[in-house]
Every structure is written in C-alpha cells, then in structure tokens.
PDB file of all heavy atoms in Angstrom:
ATOM      1  N   GLY A   1       7.822   7.725  -9.620  1.00  0.00           N
ATOM      2  CA  GLY A   1       6.390   7.677  -9.315  1.00  0.00           C
ATOM      3  C   GLY A   1       6.252   7.501  -7.817  1.00  0.00           C
ATOM      4  O   GLY A   1       7.236   7.488  -7.072  1.00  0.00           O
ATOM      5  N   MET A   2       5.038   7.359  -7.392  1.00  0.00           N
ATOM      6  CA  MET A   2       4.759   7.305  -5.939  1.00  0.00           C
ATOM      7  C   MET A   2       5.151   5.967  -5.304  1.00  0.00           C
ATOM      8  O   MET A   2       5.546   5.929  -4.167  1.00  0.00           O
ATOM      9  CB  MET A   2       3.266   7.564  -5.738  1.00  0.00           C
ATOM     10  CG  MET A   2       2.897   7.912  -4.320  1.00  0.00           C
ATOM     11  SD  MET A   2       3.456   9.548  -3.821  1.00  0.00           S
ATOM     12  CE  MET A   2       2.389   9.855  -2.452  1.00  0.00           C
ATOM     13  N   TRP A   3       5.061   4.871  -6.096  1.00  0.00           N
ATOM     14  CA  TRP A   3       5.159   3.549  -5.500  1.00  0.00           C
ATOM     15  C   TRP A   3       6.213   2.687  -6.173  1.00  0.00           C
ATOM     16  O   TRP A   3       6.315   2.648  -7.386  1.00  0.00           O
ATOM     17  CB  TRP A   3       3.796   2.834  -5.562  1.00  0.00           C
ATOM     18  CG  TRP A   3       2.737   3.728  -4.985  1.00  0.00           C
ATOM     19  CD1 TRP A   3       1.730   4.377  -5.643  1.00  0.00           C
ATOM     20  CD2 TRP A   3       2.601   4.102  -3.598  1.00  0.00           C
ATOM     21  NE1 TRP A   3       0.999   5.125  -4.777  1.00  0.00           N
ATOM     22  CE2 TRP A   3       1.517   4.987  -3.512  1.00  0.00           C
ATOM     23  CE3 TRP A   3       3.323   3.786  -2.440  1.00  0.00           C
ATOM     24  CZ2 TRP A   3       1.102   5.553  -2.304  1.00  0.00           C
ATOM     25  CZ3 TRP A   3       2.902   4.354  -1.255  1.00  0.00           C
ATOM     26  CH2 TRP A   3       1.813   5.232  -1.177  1.00  0.00           C
ATOM     27  N   GLY A   4       6.972   1.951  -5.354  1.00  0.00           N
ATOM     28  CA  GLY A   4       8.032   1.127  -5.850  1.00  0.00           C
ATOM     29  C   GLY A   4       7.548  -0.027  -6.720  1.00  0.00           C
ATOM     30  O   GLY A   4       8.202  -0.384  -7.715  1.00  0.00           O
ATOM     31  N   PHE A   5       6.409  -0.641  -6.395  1.00  0.00           N
ATOM     32  CA  PHE A   5       5.937  -1.774  -7.155  1.00  0.00           C
ATOM     33  C   PHE A   5       5.645  -1.388  -8.614  1.00  0.00           C
ATOM     34  O   PHE A   5       5.743  -2.220  -9.527  1.00  0.00           O
ATOM     35  CB  PHE A   5       4.693  -2.388  -6.504  1.00  0.00           C
ATOM     36  CG  PHE A   5       3.486  -1.511  -6.501  1.00  0.00           C
ATOM     37  CD1 PHE A   5       2.667  -1.333  -7.612  1.00  0.00           C
ATOM     38  CD2 PHE A   5       3.116  -0.830  -5.347  1.00  0.00           C
ATOM     39  CE1 PHE A   5       1.565  -0.534  -7.591  1.00  0.00           C
ATOM     40  CE2 PHE A   5       1.999  -0.005  -5.296  1.00  0.00           C
ATOM     41  CZ  PHE A   5       1.228   0.151  -6.445  1.00  0.00           C
ATOM     42  N   ALA A   6       5.292  -0.126  -8.838  1.00  0.00           N
ATOM     43  CA  ALA A   6       4.991   0.322 -10.202  1.00  0.00           C
ATOM     44  C   ALA A   6       6.192   0.273 -11.109  1.00  0.00           C
ATOM     45  O   ALA A   6       6.036   0.171 -12.347  1.00  0.00           O
ATOM     46  CB  ALA A   6       4.392   1.745 -10.156  1.00  0.00           C
ATOM     47  N   ASN A   7       7.393   0.355 -10.544  1.00  0.00           N
ATOM     48  CA  ASN A   7       8.609   0.272 -11.357  1.00  0.00           C
ATOM     49  C   ASN A   7       8.727  -1.046 -12.058  1.00  0.00           C
ATOM     50  O   ASN A   7       9.424  -1.166 -13.083  1.00  0.00           O
ATOM     51  CB  ASN A   7       9.853   0.484 -10.490  1.00  0.00           C
ATOM     52  CG  ASN A   7       9.947   1.901  -9.943  1.00  0.00           C
ATOM     53  OD1 ASN A   7       9.142   2.751 -10.297  1.00  0.00           O
ATOM     54  ND2 ASN A   7      10.909   2.143  -9.087  1.00  0.00           N
ATOM     55  N   TYR A   8       8.067  -2.081 -11.492  1.00  0.00           N
ATOM     56  CA  TYR A   8       8.132  -3.420 -12.098  1.00  0.00           C
ATOM     57  C   TYR A   8       6.894  -3.729 -12.937  1.00  0.00           C
ATOM     58  O   TYR A   8       6.795  -4.831 -13.495  1.00  0.00           O
ATOM     59  CB  TYR A   8       8.237  -4.473 -10.990  1.00  0.00           C
ATOM     60  CG  TYR A   8       9.395  -4.270 -10.048  1.00  0.00           C
ATOM     61  CD1 TYR A   8       9.183  -4.010  -8.695  1.00  0.00           C
ATOM     62  CD2 TYR A   8      10.706  -4.340 -10.495  1.00  0.00           C
ATOM     63  CE1 TYR A   8      10.251  -3.820  -7.823  1.00  0.00           C
ATOM     64  CE2 TYR A   8      11.759  -4.156  -9.629  1.00  0.00           C
ATOM     65  CZ  TYR A   8      11.529  -3.892  -8.306  1.00  0.00           C
ATOM     66  OH  TYR A   8      12.585  -3.684  -7.463  1.00  0.00           O
ATOM     67  N   GLY A   9       5.967  -2.802 -13.023  1.00  0.00           N
ATOM     68  CA  GLY A   9       4.708  -3.069 -13.709  1.00  0.00           C
ATOM     69  C   GLY A   9       3.840  -4.051 -12.989  1.00  0.00           C
ATOM     70  O   GLY A   9       2.980  -4.705 -13.600  1.00  0.00           O
ATOM     71  N   LEU A  10       4.029  -4.181 -11.687  1.00  0.00           N
ATOM     72  CA  LEU A  10       3.235  -5.114 -10.882  1.00  0.00           C
ATOM     73  C   LEU A  10       1.861  -4.519 -10.563  1.00  0.00           C
ATOM     74  O   LEU A  10       1.711  -3.289 -10.411  1.00  0.00           O
ATOM     75  CB  LEU A  10       3.922  -5.446  -9.574  1.00  0.00           C
ATOM     76  CG  LEU A  10       5.138  -6.369  -9.616  1.00  0.00           C
ATOM     77  CD1 LEU A  10       5.719  -6.511  -8.206  1.00  0.00           C
ATOM     78  CD2 LEU A  10       4.772  -7.733 -10.152  1.00  0.00           C
ATOM     79  N   GLU A  11       0.848  -5.371 -10.430  1.00  0.00           N
ATOM     80  CA  GLU A  11      -0.446  -4.969  -9.912  1.00  0.00           C
ATOM     81  C   GLU A  11      -0.708  -5.781  -8.648  1.00  0.00           C
ATOM     82  O   GLU A  11      -1.364  -6.847  -8.676  1.00  0.00           O
ATOM     83  CB  GLU A  11      -1.553  -5.230 -10.950  1.00  0.00           C
ATOM     84  CG  GLU A  11      -1.499  -4.264 -12.114  1.00  0.00           C
ATOM     85  CD  GLU A  11      -2.790  -4.296 -12.946  1.00  0.00           C
ATOM     86  OE1 GLU A  11      -3.667  -5.127 -12.650  1.00  0.00           O
ATOM     87  OE2 GLU A  11      -2.916  -3.501 -13.872  1.00  0.00           O
ATOM     88  N   PRO A  12      -0.175  -5.323  -7.522  1.00  0.00           N
ATOM     89  CA  PRO A  12      -0.335  -6.087  -6.299  1.00  0.00           C
ATOM     90  C   PRO A  12      -1.800  -6.155  -5.836  1.00  0.00           C
ATOM     91  O   PRO A  12      -2.608  -5.289  -6.184  1.00  0.00           O
ATOM     92  CB  PRO A  12       0.536  -5.328  -5.273  1.00  0.00           C
ATOM     93  CG  PRO A  12       0.564  -3.939  -5.805  1.00  0.00           C
ATOM     94  CD  PRO A  12       0.545  -4.082  -7.310  1.00  0.00           C
ATOM     95  N   ASP A  13      -2.106  -7.196  -5.063  1.00  0.00           N
ATOM     96  CA  ASP A  13      -3.442  -7.352  -4.528  1.00  0.00           C
ATOM     97  C   ASP A  13      -3.607  -6.537  -3.250  1.00  0.00           C
ATOM     98  O   ASP A  13      -4.719  -6.113  -2.916  1.00  0.00           O
ATOM     99  CB  ASP A  13      -3.739  -8.814  -4.255  1.00  0.00           C
ATOM    100  CG  ASP A  13      -3.543  -9.684  -5.489  1.00  0.00           C
ATOM    101  OD1 ASP A  13      -4.360  -9.527  -6.413  1.00  0.00           O
ATOM    102  OD2 ASP A  13      -2.569 -10.445  -5.535  1.00  0.00           O
ATOM    103  N   ILE A  14      -2.512  -6.371  -2.535  1.00  0.00           N
ATOM    104  CA  ILE A  14      -2.487  -5.607  -1.292  1.00  0.00           C
ATOM    105  C   ILE A  14      -1.182  -4.774  -1.281  1.00  0.00           C
ATOM    106  O   ILE A  14      -0.133  -5.242  -1.703  1.00  0.00           O
ATOM    107  CB  ILE A  14      -2.508  -6.504  -0.038  1.00  0.00           C
ATOM    108  CG1 ILE A  14      -3.824  -7.325   0.016  1.00  0.00           C
ATOM    109  CG2 ILE A  14      -2.376  -5.680   1.229  1.00  0.00           C
ATOM    110  CD1 ILE A  14      -3.878  -8.287   1.184  1.00  0.00           C
ATOM    111  N   VAL A  15      -1.295  -3.541  -0.830  1.00  0.00           N
ATOM    112  CA  VAL A  15      -0.110  -2.693  -0.625  1.00  0.00           C
ATOM    113  C   VAL A  15      -0.093  -2.295   0.843  1.00  0.00           C
ATOM    114  O   VAL A  15      -1.100  -1.840   1.388  1.00  0.00           O
ATOM    115  CB  VAL A  15      -0.151  -1.450  -1.514  1.00  0.00           C
ATOM    116  CG1 VAL A  15       1.062  -0.564  -1.270  1.00  0.00           C
ATOM    117  CG2 VAL A  15      -0.233  -1.864  -2.990  1.00  0.00           C
ATOM    118  N   THR A  16       1.065  -2.434   1.461  1.00  0.00           N
ATOM    119  CA  THR A  16       1.212  -2.028   2.861  1.00  0.00           C
ATOM    120  C   THR A  16       2.141  -0.832   2.973  1.00  0.00           C
ATOM    121  O   THR A  16       3.091  -0.690   2.208  1.00  0.00           O
ATOM    122  CB  THR A  16       1.753  -3.165   3.727  1.00  0.00           C
ATOM    123  OG1 THR A  16       2.998  -3.616   3.230  1.00  0.00           O
ATOM    124  CG2 THR A  16       0.738  -4.309   3.721  1.00  0.00           C
ATOM    125  N   MET A  17       1.848   0.027   3.977  1.00  0.00           N
ATOM    126  CA  MET A  17       2.594   1.293   4.134  1.00  0.00           C
ATOM    127  C   MET A  17       2.875   1.530   5.603  1.00  0.00           C
ATOM    128  O   MET A  17       2.110   1.110   6.468  1.00  0.00           O
ATOM    129  CB  MET A  17       1.803   2.457   3.578  1.00  0.00           C
ATOM    130  CG  MET A  17       1.365   2.302   2.137  1.00  0.00           C
ATOM    131  SD  MET A  17       0.159   3.545   1.663  1.00  0.00           S
ATOM    132  CE  MET A  17      -0.277   2.960   0.053  1.00  0.00           C
ATOM    133  N   GLY A  18       3.920   2.252   5.873  1.00  0.00           N
ATOM    134  CA  GLY A  18       4.299   2.669   7.228  1.00  0.00           C
ATOM    135  C   GLY A  18       5.360   3.723   7.156  1.00  0.00           C
ATOM    136  O   GLY A  18       5.518   4.375   6.105  1.00  0.00           O
ATOM    137  N   LYS A  19       6.121   3.939   8.200  1.00  0.00           N
ATOM    138  CA  LYS A  19       7.217   4.893   8.270  1.00  0.00           C
ATOM    139  C   LYS A  19       6.989   6.210   7.503  1.00  0.00           C
ATOM    140  O   LYS A  19       6.505   7.177   8.099  1.00  0.00           O
ATOM    141  CB  LYS A  19       8.524   4.241   7.897  1.00  0.00           C
ATOM    142  CG  LYS A  19       9.059   3.266   8.910  1.00  0.00           C
ATOM    143  CD  LYS A  19      10.464   2.782   8.537  1.00  0.00           C
ATOM    144  CE  LYS A  19      11.047   1.875   9.609  1.00  0.00           C
ATOM    145  NZ  LYS A  19      10.453   0.518   9.618  1.00  0.00           N
ATOM    146  N   PRO A  20       7.317   6.334   6.219  1.00  0.00           N
ATOM    147  CA  PRO A  20       7.241   7.635   5.547  1.00  0.00           C
ATOM    148  C   PRO A  20       5.848   8.178   5.382  1.00  0.00           C
ATOM    149  O   PRO A  20       5.687   9.365   5.060  1.00  0.00           O
ATOM    150  CB  PRO A  20       7.886   7.368   4.168  1.00  0.00           C
ATOM    151  CG  PRO A  20       7.679   5.912   3.925  1.00  0.00           C
ATOM    152  CD  PRO A  20       7.817   5.287   5.300  1.00  0.00           C
ATOM    153  N   ILE A  21       4.826   7.385   5.617  1.00  0.00           N
ATOM    154  CA  ILE A  21       3.455   7.835   5.393  1.00  0.00           C
ATOM    155  C   ILE A  21       3.099   9.012   6.297  1.00  0.00           C
ATOM    156  O   ILE A  21       2.245   9.837   5.960  1.00  0.00           O
ATOM    157  CB  ILE A  21       2.494   6.648   5.606  1.00  0.00           C
ATOM    158  CG1 ILE A  21       1.044   6.966   5.190  1.00  0.00           C
ATOM    159  CG2 ILE A  21       2.522   6.150   7.046  1.00  0.00           C
ATOM    160  CD1 ILE A  21       0.121   5.757   5.246  1.00  0.00           C
ATOM    161  N   GLY A  22       3.729   9.127   7.461  1.00  0.00           N
ATOM    162  CA  GLY A  22       3.374  10.179   8.435  1.00  0.00           C
ATOM    163  C   GLY A  22       4.483  11.127   8.776  1.00  0.00           C
ATOM    164  O   GLY A  22       4.339  11.891   9.731  1.00  0.00           O
ATOM    165  N   ASP A  23       5.590  11.077   8.079  1.00  0.00           N
ATOM    166  CA  ASP A  23       6.741  11.964   8.343  1.00  0.00           C
ATOM    167  C   ASP A  23       7.124  11.974   9.810  1.00  0.00           C
ATOM    168  O   ASP A  23       7.477  13.002  10.384  1.00  0.00           O
ATOM    169  CB  ASP A  23       6.387  13.406   7.921  1.00  0.00           C
ATOM    170  CG  ASP A  23       7.633  14.291   7.788  1.00  0.00           C
ATOM    171  OD1 ASP A  23       8.609  13.845   7.155  1.00  0.00           O
ATOM    172  OD2 ASP A  23       7.610  15.400   8.296  1.00  0.00           O
ATOM    173  N   GLY A  24       7.088  10.790  10.424  1.00  0.00           N
ATOM    174  CA  GLY A  24       7.482  10.666  11.832  1.00  0.00           C
ATOM    175  C   GLY A  24       6.300  10.433  12.769  1.00  0.00           C
ATOM    176  O   GLY A  24       6.500   9.976  13.892  1.00  0.00           O
ATOM    177  N   HIS A  25       5.107  10.755  12.329  1.00  0.00           N
ATOM    178  CA  HIS A  25       3.925  10.438  13.106  1.00  0.00           C
ATOM    179  C   HIS A  25       3.525   8.990  12.816  1.00  0.00           C
ATOM    180  O   HIS A  25       3.575   8.563  11.667  1.00  0.00           O
ATOM    181  CB  HIS A  25       2.760  11.366  12.748  1.00  0.00           C
ATOM    182  CG  HIS A  25       1.579  11.240  13.616  1.00  0.00           C
ATOM    183  ND1 HIS A  25       1.534  11.715  14.907  1.00  0.00           N
ATOM    184  CD2 HIS A  25       0.374  10.653  13.413  1.00  0.00           C
ATOM    185  CE1 HIS A  25       0.348  11.451  15.447  1.00  0.00           C
ATOM    186  NE2 HIS A  25      -0.377  10.798  14.542  1.00  0.00           N
ATOM    187  N   PRO A  26       3.145   8.214  13.851  1.00  0.00           N
ATOM    188  CA  PRO A  26       2.847   6.785  13.621  1.00  0.00           C
ATOM    189  C   PRO A  26       1.547   6.535  12.855  1.00  0.00           C
ATOM    190  O   PRO A  26       0.471   6.647  13.409  1.00  0.00           O
ATOM    191  CB  PRO A  26       2.782   6.203  15.037  1.00  0.00           C
ATOM    192  CG  PRO A  26       2.464   7.365  15.920  1.00  0.00           C
ATOM    193  CD  PRO A  26       3.093   8.568  15.260  1.00  0.00           C
ATOM    194  N   ILE A  27       1.700   6.239  11.585  1.00  0.00           N
ATOM    195  CA  ILE A  27       0.580   5.861  10.714  1.00  0.00           C
ATOM    196  C   ILE A  27       0.996   4.686   9.884  1.00  0.00           C
ATOM    197  O   ILE A  27       2.165   4.572   9.494  1.00  0.00           O
ATOM    198  CB  ILE A  27       0.184   7.024   9.753  1.00  0.00           C
ATOM    199  CG1 ILE A  27       0.080   8.370  10.469  1.00  0.00           C
ATOM    200  CG2 ILE A  27      -1.138   6.714   9.054  1.00  0.00           C
ATOM    201  CD1 ILE A  27      -0.139   9.526   9.517  1.00  0.00           C
ATOM    202  N   GLY A  28       0.084   3.811   9.583  1.00  0.00           N
ATOM    203  CA  GLY A  28       0.293   2.743   8.631  1.00  0.00           C
ATOM    204  C   GLY A  28      -0.989   2.534   7.835  1.00  0.00           C
ATOM    205  O   GLY A  28      -2.061   3.040   8.189  1.00  0.00           O
ATOM    206  N   ALA A  29      -0.895   1.789   6.721  1.00  0.00           N
ATOM    207  CA  ALA A  29      -2.080   1.575   5.920  1.00  0.00           C
ATOM    208  C   ALA A  29      -1.994   0.255   5.159  1.00  0.00           C
ATOM    209  O   ALA A  29      -0.887  -0.179   4.801  1.00  0.00           O
ATOM    210  CB  ALA A  29      -2.314   2.724   4.951  1.00  0.00           C
ATOM    211  N   VAL A  30      -3.142  -0.313   4.905  1.00  0.00           N
ATOM    212  CA  VAL A  30      -3.295  -1.494   4.047  1.00  0.00           C
ATOM    213  C   VAL A  30      -4.255  -1.084   2.940  1.00  0.00           C
ATOM    214  O   VAL A  30      -5.399  -0.691   3.222  1.00  0.00           O
ATOM    215  CB  VAL A  30      -3.829  -2.701   4.791  1.00  0.00           C
ATOM    216  CG1 VAL A  30      -4.087  -3.864   3.843  1.00  0.00           C
ATOM    217  CG2 VAL A  30      -2.875  -3.132   5.901  1.00  0.00           C
ATOM    218  N   ILE A  31      -3.794  -1.143   1.687  1.00  0.00           N
ATOM    219  CA  ILE A  31      -4.638  -0.815   0.532  1.00  0.00           C
ATOM    220  C   ILE A  31      -4.900  -2.120  -0.184  1.00  0.00           C
ATOM    221  O   ILE A  31      -3.960  -2.878  -0.510  1.00  0.00           O
ATOM    222  CB  ILE A  31      -3.925   0.184  -0.378  1.00  0.00           C
ATOM    223  CG1 ILE A  31      -3.355   1.385   0.416  1.00  0.00           C
ATOM    224  CG2 ILE A  31      -4.869   0.670  -1.466  1.00  0.00           C
ATOM    225  CD1 ILE A  31      -4.378   2.203   1.135  1.00  0.00           C
ATOM    226  N   VAL A  32      -6.165  -2.403  -0.491  1.00  0.00           N
ATOM    227  CA  VAL A  32      -6.513  -3.765  -0.882  1.00  0.00           C
ATOM    228  C   VAL A  32      -7.582  -3.790  -1.954  1.00  0.00           C
ATOM    229  O   VAL A  32      -8.412  -2.887  -2.075  1.00  0.00           O
ATOM    230  CB  VAL A  32      -6.989  -4.546   0.387  1.00  0.00           C
ATOM    231  CG1 VAL A  32      -8.188  -3.846   1.011  1.00  0.00           C
ATOM    232  CG2 VAL A  32      -7.255  -5.981   0.129  1.00  0.00           C
ATOM    233  N   ARG A  33      -7.536  -4.845  -2.778  1.00  0.00           N
ATOM    234  CA  ARG A  33      -8.628  -5.127  -3.708  1.00  0.00           C
ATOM    235  C   ARG A  33      -9.900  -5.352  -2.893  1.00  0.00           C
ATOM    236  O   ARG A  33      -9.923  -6.149  -1.951  1.00  0.00           O
ATOM    237  CB  ARG A  33      -8.354  -6.399  -4.518  1.00  0.00           C
ATOM    238  CG  ARG A  33      -7.244  -6.288  -5.558  1.00  0.00           C
ATOM    239  CD  ARG A  33      -7.142  -7.613  -6.317  1.00  0.00           C
ATOM    240  NE  ARG A  33      -6.016  -7.662  -7.208  1.00  0.00           N
ATOM    241  CZ  ARG A  33      -6.034  -7.295  -8.474  1.00  0.00           C
ATOM    242  NH1 ARG A  33      -7.180  -6.875  -9.010  1.00  0.00           N
ATOM    243  NH2 ARG A  33      -4.978  -7.392  -9.252  1.00  0.00           N
ATOM    244  N   PRO A  34     -11.017  -4.679  -3.236  1.00  0.00           N
ATOM    245  CA  PRO A  34     -12.236  -4.796  -2.434  1.00  0.00           C
ATOM    246  C   PRO A  34     -12.714  -6.249  -2.252  1.00  0.00           C
ATOM    247  O   PRO A  34     -13.209  -6.612  -1.173  1.00  0.00           O
ATOM    248  CB  PRO A  34     -13.229  -3.958  -3.213  1.00  0.00           C
ATOM    249  CG  PRO A  34     -12.413  -2.904  -3.882  1.00  0.00           C
ATOM    250  CD  PRO A  34     -11.135  -3.628  -4.252  1.00  0.00           C
ATOM    251  N   GLN A  35     -12.566  -7.052  -3.304  1.00  0.00           N
ATOM    252  CA  GLN A  35     -13.115  -8.433  -3.201  1.00  0.00           C
ATOM    253  C   GLN A  35     -12.389  -9.262  -2.141  1.00  0.00           C
ATOM    254  O   GLN A  35     -12.940 -10.245  -1.641  1.00  0.00           O
ATOM    255  CB  GLN A  35     -13.086  -9.130  -4.559  1.00  0.00           C
ATOM    256  CG  GLN A  35     -11.722  -9.228  -5.215  1.00  0.00           C
ATOM    257  CD  GLN A  35     -11.456  -8.075  -6.163  1.00  0.00           C
ATOM    258  OE1 GLN A  35     -11.818  -6.932  -5.877  1.00  0.00           O
ATOM    259  NE2 GLN A  35     -10.823  -8.403  -7.294  1.00  0.00           N
ATOM    260  N   LEU A  36     -11.185  -8.873  -1.792  1.00  0.00           N
ATOM    261  CA  LEU A  36     -10.427  -9.660  -0.815  1.00  0.00           C
ATOM    262  C   LEU A  36     -10.916  -9.435   0.602  1.00  0.00           C
ATOM    263  O   LEU A  36     -10.673 -10.284   1.480  1.00  0.00           O
ATOM    264  CB  LEU A  36      -8.909  -9.315  -0.884  1.00  0.00           C
ATOM    265  CG  LEU A  36      -8.180  -9.680  -2.155  1.00  0.00           C
ATOM    266  CD1 LEU A  36      -6.697  -9.325  -2.027  1.00  0.00           C
ATOM    267  CD2 LEU A  36      -8.338 -11.166  -2.481  1.00  0.00           C
ATOM    268  N   VAL A  37     -11.565  -8.302   0.839  1.00  0.00           N
ATOM    269  CA  VAL A  37     -12.014  -8.027   2.226  1.00  0.00           C
ATOM    270  C   VAL A  37     -13.531  -8.157   2.394  1.00  0.00           C
ATOM    271  O   VAL A  37     -14.039  -7.906   3.477  1.00  0.00           O
ATOM    272  CB  VAL A  37     -11.537  -6.644   2.692  1.00  0.00           C
ATOM    273  CG1 VAL A  37     -10.050  -6.660   2.932  1.00  0.00           C
ATOM    274  CG2 VAL A  37     -11.920  -5.547   1.719  1.00  0.00           C
ATOM    275  N   SER A  38     -14.245  -8.504   1.343  1.00  0.00           N
ATOM    276  CA  SER A  38     -15.728  -8.604   1.515  1.00  0.00           C
ATOM    277  C   SER A  38     -16.076  -9.691   2.531  1.00  0.00           C
ATOM    278  O   SER A  38     -16.849  -9.467   3.448  1.00  0.00           O
ATOM    279  CB  SER A  38     -16.363  -8.875   0.161  1.00  0.00           C
ATOM    280  OG  SER A  38     -15.832 -10.064  -0.420  1.00  0.00           O
ATOM    281  N   SER A  39     -15.449 -10.864   2.391  1.00  0.00           N
ATOM    282  CA  SER A  39     -15.719 -11.954   3.345  1.00  0.00           C
ATOM    283  C   SER A  39     -15.009 -11.691   4.669  1.00  0.00           C
ATOM    284  O   SER A  39     -15.539 -11.922   5.760  1.00  0.00           O
ATOM    285  CB  SER A  39     -15.228 -13.277   2.737  1.00  0.00           C
ATOM    286  OG  SER A  39     -15.323 -14.322   3.697  1.00  0.00           O
TER     287      SER A  39
END
C-alpha cells in the first residue's frame, strides 16, 4: 500500500513526509486530523 503505518493497522493522528515525496525536489508534508490544528 502507499503508507508504512497501514501495515500495522495504525490510525496516526499526524503523518509526516519528505524525501520520496518529490523524487529529489525538496518537498515535505504534514497530514493531520483537522481538530488538532483548529486551535
């Protein structure tokens, strides 16, 4: 599948990304539960 955490059946609150996301172009990302960033 796309994500390593899914192999464990985890439901993380935040997922962080870097390196392979841009095939060498500098990109990173934070994917988050909406309620965690409202405040």
